[in-house]
Each structure stands twice: as structure tokens, then as C-alpha cells.
Amino acid sequence: MAKAESYAALVAAIDAETTRIANKIQTLLDQIAAGGMSAADEDAAQAALQAQVDRLRTIGADPVEPIPPVEPPVE
């Protein structure tokens, strides 16, 4: 049972982190959709979104099991 609880805790931690990232991205998208942003605000929102993209790419940069999987070349 301890293993099941350990896995459940890991899933909960992953869920919490992905929810936090999703909420941050949604906040930025809402700011953009609201319009009326100054150029500086647009630049800040774009930089924040890019930071999230970079972070997600880093998380997925597993050479053994890349996300998404690298398809073999078509011959």
C-alpha cells in the first residue's frame, strides 16, 4: 500500500505543478485578450509566456523518452 500512496503523492504533485503553470498561462492569455495593453505590458506578457514554454521544453527534454516521442525518419 505504501507504493500506491507514494505514486498517488507523485501524481498529486505533478497535478499541482501543471495546474500552477496552466493558471499562470491563463492569466497571461486573459491579460492579452482584455486588450488595451501597453507595449511594455505586451512585451512582459510575451516574455512570461516564453518563459513557460522554455520551462515546459526543459521538463520534456528527456533524451531517453522525449516528449513528444521522436518519430523515426520515413524512408
N, C-alpha and C. Protein backbone atom coordinates (compact mmCIF):
# COMPACT_ATOMS: atom_id res chain seq x y z
N MET A 1 0.81 -1.20 0.00
CA MET A 1 0.00 0.00 0.00
C MET A 1 0.86 1.26 0.00
N ALA A 2 2.05 1.17 0.60
CA ALA A 2 2.92 2.33 0.66
C ALA A 2 3.31 2.80 -0.73
N LYS A 3 3.52 1.84 -1.65
CA LYS A 3 3.86 2.23 -3.01
C LYS A 3 2.72 2.98 -3.67
N ALA A 4 1.50 2.50 -3.49
CA ALA A 4 0.33 3.17 -4.07
C ALA A 4 0.22 4.60 -3.54
N GLU A 5 0.45 4.78 -2.25
CA GLU A 5 0.39 6.12 -1.66
C GLU A 5 1.51 7.00 -2.20
N SER A 6 2.67 6.41 -2.43
CA SER A 6 3.80 7.15 -2.98
C SER A 6 3.49 7.63 -4.39
N TYR A 7 2.92 6.72 -5.20
CA TYR A 7 2.54 7.10 -6.56
C TYR A 7 1.45 8.16 -6.55
N ALA A 8 0.49 8.01 -5.65
CA ALA A 8 -0.59 9.00 -5.55
C ALA A 8 -0.03 10.36 -5.18
N ALA A 9 0.94 10.40 -4.30
CA ALA A 9 1.57 11.67 -3.91
C ALA A 9 2.31 12.29 -5.08
N LEU A 10 2.99 11.47 -5.87
CA LEU A 10 3.69 11.99 -7.05
C LEU A 10 2.70 12.55 -8.07
N VAL A 11 1.62 11.84 -8.30
CA VAL A 11 0.60 12.31 -9.23
C VAL A 11 0.01 13.63 -8.74
N ALA A 12 -0.25 13.73 -7.45
CA ALA A 12 -0.79 14.96 -6.88
C ALA A 12 0.20 16.12 -7.04
N ALA A 13 1.48 15.85 -6.86
CA ALA A 13 2.50 16.90 -7.02
C ALA A 13 2.58 17.35 -8.47
N ILE A 14 2.55 16.40 -9.39
CA ILE A 14 2.57 16.74 -10.82
C ILE A 14 1.33 17.55 -11.18
N ASP A 15 0.18 17.12 -10.69
CA ASP A 15 -1.06 17.84 -10.96
C ASP A 15 -1.00 19.26 -10.43
N ALA A 16 -0.49 19.43 -9.23
CA ALA A 16 -0.40 20.76 -8.64
C ALA A 16 0.52 21.67 -9.46
N GLU A 17 1.64 21.13 -9.90
CA GLU A 17 2.59 21.94 -10.68
C GLU A 17 2.02 22.29 -12.05
N THR A 18 1.42 21.33 -12.72
CA THR A 18 0.86 21.63 -14.05
C THR A 18 -0.32 22.58 -13.94
N THR A 19 -1.09 22.47 -12.86
CA THR A 19 -2.19 23.41 -12.65
C THR A 19 -1.65 24.81 -12.42
N ARG A 20 -0.57 24.92 -11.65
CA ARG A 20 0.04 26.23 -11.41
C ARG A 20 0.52 26.86 -12.71
N ILE A 21 1.15 26.06 -13.56
CA ILE A 21 1.63 26.55 -14.85
C ILE A 21 0.45 26.95 -15.73
N ALA A 22 -0.57 26.11 -15.78
CA ALA A 22 -1.75 26.41 -16.59
C ALA A 22 -2.42 27.70 -16.12
N ASN A 23 -2.51 27.90 -14.81
CA ASN A 23 -3.12 29.12 -14.29
C ASN A 23 -2.30 30.35 -14.66
N LYS A 24 -0.98 30.23 -14.61
CA LYS A 24 -0.11 31.35 -14.98
C LYS A 24 -0.31 31.71 -16.45
N ILE A 25 -0.35 30.68 -17.29
CA ILE A 25 -0.55 30.91 -18.73
C ILE A 25 -1.93 31.52 -18.97
N GLN A 26 -2.96 31.01 -18.29
CA GLN A 26 -4.30 31.57 -18.47
C GLN A 26 -4.36 33.02 -18.05
N THR A 27 -3.70 33.39 -16.97
CA THR A 27 -3.67 34.78 -16.54
C THR A 27 -3.06 35.66 -17.62
N LEU A 28 -1.97 35.21 -18.21
CA LEU A 28 -1.34 35.98 -19.28
C LEU A 28 -2.25 36.07 -20.50
N LEU A 29 -2.91 34.97 -20.86
CA LEU A 29 -3.83 35.00 -22.00
C LEU A 29 -5.00 35.94 -21.73
N ASP A 30 -5.49 35.95 -20.51
CA ASP A 30 -6.58 36.86 -20.15
C ASP A 30 -6.14 38.31 -20.27
N GLN A 31 -4.92 38.61 -19.85
CA GLN A 31 -4.40 39.97 -19.99
C GLN A 31 -4.33 40.37 -21.45
N ILE A 32 -3.88 39.46 -22.29
CA ILE A 32 -3.77 39.75 -23.71
C ILE A 32 -5.16 39.94 -24.31
N ALA A 33 -6.11 39.06 -23.96
CA ALA A 33 -7.46 39.12 -24.51
C ALA A 33 -8.19 40.38 -24.07
N ALA A 34 -7.86 40.91 -22.89
CA ALA A 34 -8.52 42.10 -22.38
C ALA A 34 -8.19 43.32 -23.22
N GLY A 35 -7.10 43.24 -23.99
CA GLY A 35 -6.72 44.35 -24.85
C GLY A 35 -6.29 45.57 -24.05
N GLY A 36 -5.96 46.59 -24.77
CA GLY A 36 -5.56 47.82 -24.11
C GLY A 36 -4.23 47.72 -23.39
N MET A 37 -3.44 46.72 -23.74
CA MET A 37 -2.14 46.58 -23.10
C MET A 37 -1.15 47.55 -23.73
N SER A 38 -0.32 48.10 -22.89
CA SER A 38 0.75 48.94 -23.41
C SER A 38 1.79 48.05 -24.07
N ALA A 39 2.67 48.64 -24.84
CA ALA A 39 3.74 47.87 -25.48
C ALA A 39 4.59 47.17 -24.43
N ALA A 40 4.84 47.86 -23.32
CA ALA A 40 5.65 47.26 -22.26
C ALA A 40 4.92 46.06 -21.63
N ASP A 41 3.59 46.18 -21.44
CA ASP A 41 2.82 45.07 -20.89
C ASP A 41 2.80 43.89 -21.87
N GLU A 42 2.65 44.19 -23.17
CA GLU A 42 2.69 43.12 -24.17
C GLU A 42 4.03 42.41 -24.15
N ASP A 43 5.12 43.18 -24.07
CA ASP A 43 6.45 42.59 -24.02
C ASP A 43 6.61 41.71 -22.77
N ALA A 44 6.10 42.21 -21.65
CA ALA A 44 6.21 41.44 -20.40
C ALA A 44 5.39 40.15 -20.48
N ALA A 45 4.18 40.23 -21.05
CA ALA A 45 3.34 39.04 -21.19
C ALA A 45 3.99 38.03 -22.13
N GLN A 46 4.54 38.52 -23.22
CA GLN A 46 5.21 37.62 -24.17
C GLN A 46 6.43 36.96 -23.52
N ALA A 47 7.19 37.73 -22.78
CA ALA A 47 8.36 37.16 -22.10
C ALA A 47 7.94 36.11 -21.07
N ALA A 48 6.86 36.38 -20.35
CA ALA A 48 6.38 35.42 -19.35
C ALA A 48 5.88 34.14 -20.01
N LEU A 49 5.17 34.29 -21.13
CA LEU A 49 4.72 33.10 -21.86
C LEU A 49 5.91 32.31 -22.39
N GLN A 50 6.90 33.01 -22.92
CA GLN A 50 8.08 32.32 -23.44
C GLN A 50 8.82 31.59 -22.32
N ALA A 51 8.85 32.18 -21.14
CA ALA A 51 9.49 31.52 -20.01
C ALA A 51 8.78 30.20 -19.68
N GLN A 52 7.46 30.21 -19.77
CA GLN A 52 6.71 28.97 -19.51
C GLN A 52 6.96 27.94 -20.60
N VAL A 53 7.02 28.39 -21.86
CA VAL A 53 7.33 27.47 -22.96
C VAL A 53 8.71 26.86 -22.74
N ASP A 54 9.67 27.68 -22.40
CA ASP A 54 11.03 27.18 -22.17
C ASP A 54 11.06 26.19 -21.01
N ARG A 55 10.31 26.49 -19.96
CA ARG A 55 10.27 25.59 -18.80
C ARG A 55 9.66 24.24 -19.19
N LEU A 56 8.58 24.26 -19.94
CA LEU A 56 7.95 23.02 -20.36
C LEU A 56 8.85 22.23 -21.29
N ARG A 57 9.57 22.92 -22.16
CA ARG A 57 10.52 22.23 -23.04
C ARG A 57 11.63 21.56 -22.22
N THR A 58 12.08 22.24 -21.19
CA THR A 58 13.11 21.67 -20.32
C THR A 58 12.60 20.42 -19.63
N ILE A 59 11.36 20.48 -19.15
CA ILE A 59 10.77 19.32 -18.50
C ILE A 59 10.68 18.15 -19.47
N GLY A 60 10.34 18.43 -20.71
CA GLY A 60 10.17 17.37 -21.70
C GLY A 60 11.44 16.94 -22.39
N ALA A 61 12.57 17.54 -22.04
CA ALA A 61 13.83 17.24 -22.72
C ALA A 61 14.50 16.02 -22.12
N ASP A 62 13.89 14.88 -22.28
CA ASP A 62 14.44 13.61 -21.82
C ASP A 62 14.93 12.86 -23.04
N PRO A 63 16.24 12.71 -23.23
CA PRO A 63 16.74 12.07 -24.44
C PRO A 63 16.35 10.59 -24.55
N VAL A 64 16.05 9.96 -23.43
CA VAL A 64 15.66 8.55 -23.46
C VAL A 64 14.20 8.41 -23.87
N GLU A 65 13.34 9.23 -23.30
CA GLU A 65 11.92 9.21 -23.61
C GLU A 65 11.44 10.64 -23.85
N PRO A 66 11.77 11.20 -25.02
CA PRO A 66 11.39 12.59 -25.28
C PRO A 66 9.88 12.76 -25.35
N ILE A 67 9.45 13.96 -25.00
CA ILE A 67 8.03 14.31 -25.07
C ILE A 67 7.91 15.46 -26.05
N PRO A 68 7.21 15.35 -27.15
CA PRO A 68 6.61 14.13 -27.66
C PRO A 68 7.70 13.20 -28.20
N PRO A 69 7.36 11.92 -28.34
CA PRO A 69 8.36 11.00 -28.85
C PRO A 69 8.83 11.40 -30.25
N VAL A 70 10.09 11.18 -30.48
CA VAL A 70 10.66 11.49 -31.79
C VAL A 70 10.32 10.33 -32.72
N GLU A 71 9.64 10.66 -33.80
CA GLU A 71 9.25 9.64 -34.76
C GLU A 71 10.48 9.24 -35.59
N PRO A 72 10.62 7.95 -35.89
CA PRO A 72 11.74 7.56 -36.75
C PRO A 72 11.55 8.14 -38.15
N PRO A 73 12.65 8.46 -38.83
CA PRO A 73 12.54 9.04 -40.17
C PRO A 73 11.86 8.08 -41.12
N VAL A 74 11.07 8.65 -42.01
CA VAL A 74 10.39 7.84 -43.04
C VAL A 74 11.37 7.64 -44.19
N GLU A 75 11.53 6.41 -44.57
CA GLU A 75 12.46 6.11 -45.66
C GLU A 75 11.74 5.72 -46.91
